[in-house]
């Protein structure tokens, strides 16, 4: 049967023949050279494989004269040529098929892996399989009918090729598995902060120290985080590429892709296991105790950076090395191999986004949002084509849900402050745990300024906050003095609103004290604490100086009101009114004695009560003692000095110096009583 031939383009064919001959000469000349770099060897090996399916018309005739009918042993891809002369007889085809069959089928009886036995055996098998493919292409071009004898040869060749492809698929998988490189995450420049776990169980459980250390910020630069590592030994990449090229050239694309995907999917699962990322359902996450969940979140934050920037980047590189950089099949194999693993990580993020919006979780959710937002350019680049769009879309969706969770949790934090009610007063009038918690919470949130400003940005919300009737006049004054609301960041508006809510809550808590003086002492302590926290931290940039000045003025007003409520009645006893005998300038000794006795009793009573009260800040405590001394002790010293001639030593129970010393016991939080041998 004659071969149907298309009309050749002579000039183009001659140019191709010259190019092929030149390249083959280079490959044969440089192939054995031991001084070549590994990259050069990989290129030459790939070039040799690609050329194995190409030939020069007439070449085989010259080869046959020198070698007889031993075609197919040449490493450069000898065998049946696409452009052999039509006079090749049936016997030649049959003989060629028999040689191919013998080379392929003898390995079916041998359970050894061909590539384990060396390059010579591997090359011979590849060439034989390629011969079968080319023979089939030759016979298919004849458009045979079932009754043609060549048709039988073609069916036999199909069977041989199918056997060879199945074996090559197995060899391909085995090479990927046996040459997998160990993945050691400790070699990467990340460290877990699991040992820094924080107890954040309730809104009043966090004090100064714990909230300050609640987050250890990553200082590792992005450049240090990006690594490409060898997931498969580099020496076998050319072999894997050759096998893949032949499988694809033989229309076994799906089989090759599936083999690759199965092996690499298992490798990715093992990577997650090494990173201690266990497979958890959303229900598992929602049921988890906060202490355990907190540790899992920190592990996730650490692992997801390694997985995306190191492992997935290296996985994409491996796929490109085997299937060709930028080739659709390369991206498709990478996506199918990695999809389950990346979705497993995203599933944890989704579970966190739909869980209860508890304020203590906000920092961890912000961390998750921050790291995923930072990784989005990497993820977009890795899953750049349509085939990877589902993964990319899911990543963006999880990021959005985490952002929604941040907003909801932040607003829940505001609500928790407003609704934090107390049925009993805080002992001693010191700094309430809620005040500490809120101010330290806000201070830690300043580390997330960019994210919070992005997520809280809502013009209608900003306008409602800036004009809210719930804000105190002081807050409105602050807003006016610092410019229009549009020039104030979203975060600043929310933080000032939270501070206002806290102040209102503290006002309500102060009413639980029976003593008016203790109400003012409590508010003085807490407002002073708020002002100092803002002044001494990054919060100063958020609240600004005018807010600080306003709170300083407020706590000083409460200090004055405390003094008035505590000491005004006692100071009245040190006035001359009521002790001077009418119509004379003399003083009634009995009335003077009664005045001093009442003063001592009043001082002792205040001493007994207010030694149990607490001013935690040393400087504030000293300042208030000095102020009391200037008003009370100085008035006592002046009163006694003015009436010294009417007062005997027996009447003086405490000297001014005694009272000065007793003032040092005030506001220490430890109740005391005055004991004096002269007490009457």
Foldseek 3Di string as FASTA:
>chain_A
DFFDDDDDDVVVLVVVQVVLVVLVVVLVVCQVPPPDDLVVNLVSLLVLLVQLLPDRPPPVVVVCVVVPLPFLLDLSQTADHLPYDRPPDPVSLVVRLVVLLVLQVVCVVPPDQQVVVDDSNVSSLLSSLSNLLRSLVNLVSRVDDPPDPVVVSNVSSVVSNVSSLVSLLVSLLCQLVVQFDDDDCVVAPFDFPLVLDAPDPDLLPDFDPRLLSNDDDDPDDPVSLADADARGPSNCLSVLQSSQVSCVSSVVNVSNLVSLLVNLLVVLVVLCVNLVLDQDALVRQQPDDPSVNSSNLSSLLRSVSCCLRYVLVNQLVSLCSRHNPPDPSSLLSSCSNCVVVLVSSLNSLQSVLPHDLALSCLVSLLSVLVSLVVCLVSLCVSQVDPSSVVVSVSSVVSSVSSLVSNVVSLVVVLVCLLPVDDPAADWQLAARSSLRSLLSSLQVCVVVVVSCLVSQDDVVVLVCLLPPPLADPLLVVLCVVVDDSVPAGSSLSSSSSSVRSNLVNLLVSLVNDPQPLSSLSNLLNSLVVNLVSCVPGPVCVSSPDSSSVVSVVSSVVSLVVSCCSLPVVLLVLLDQPPQADPPDRDGNLVSNLVSLLVSVVSLQVCLQPQLQHARPDPVVLVVSLVVCCVRPLVSVQVSCVVCVVSDDPLSDQDHSVRSSVSSVSGRHNDGDGDDGPSRD
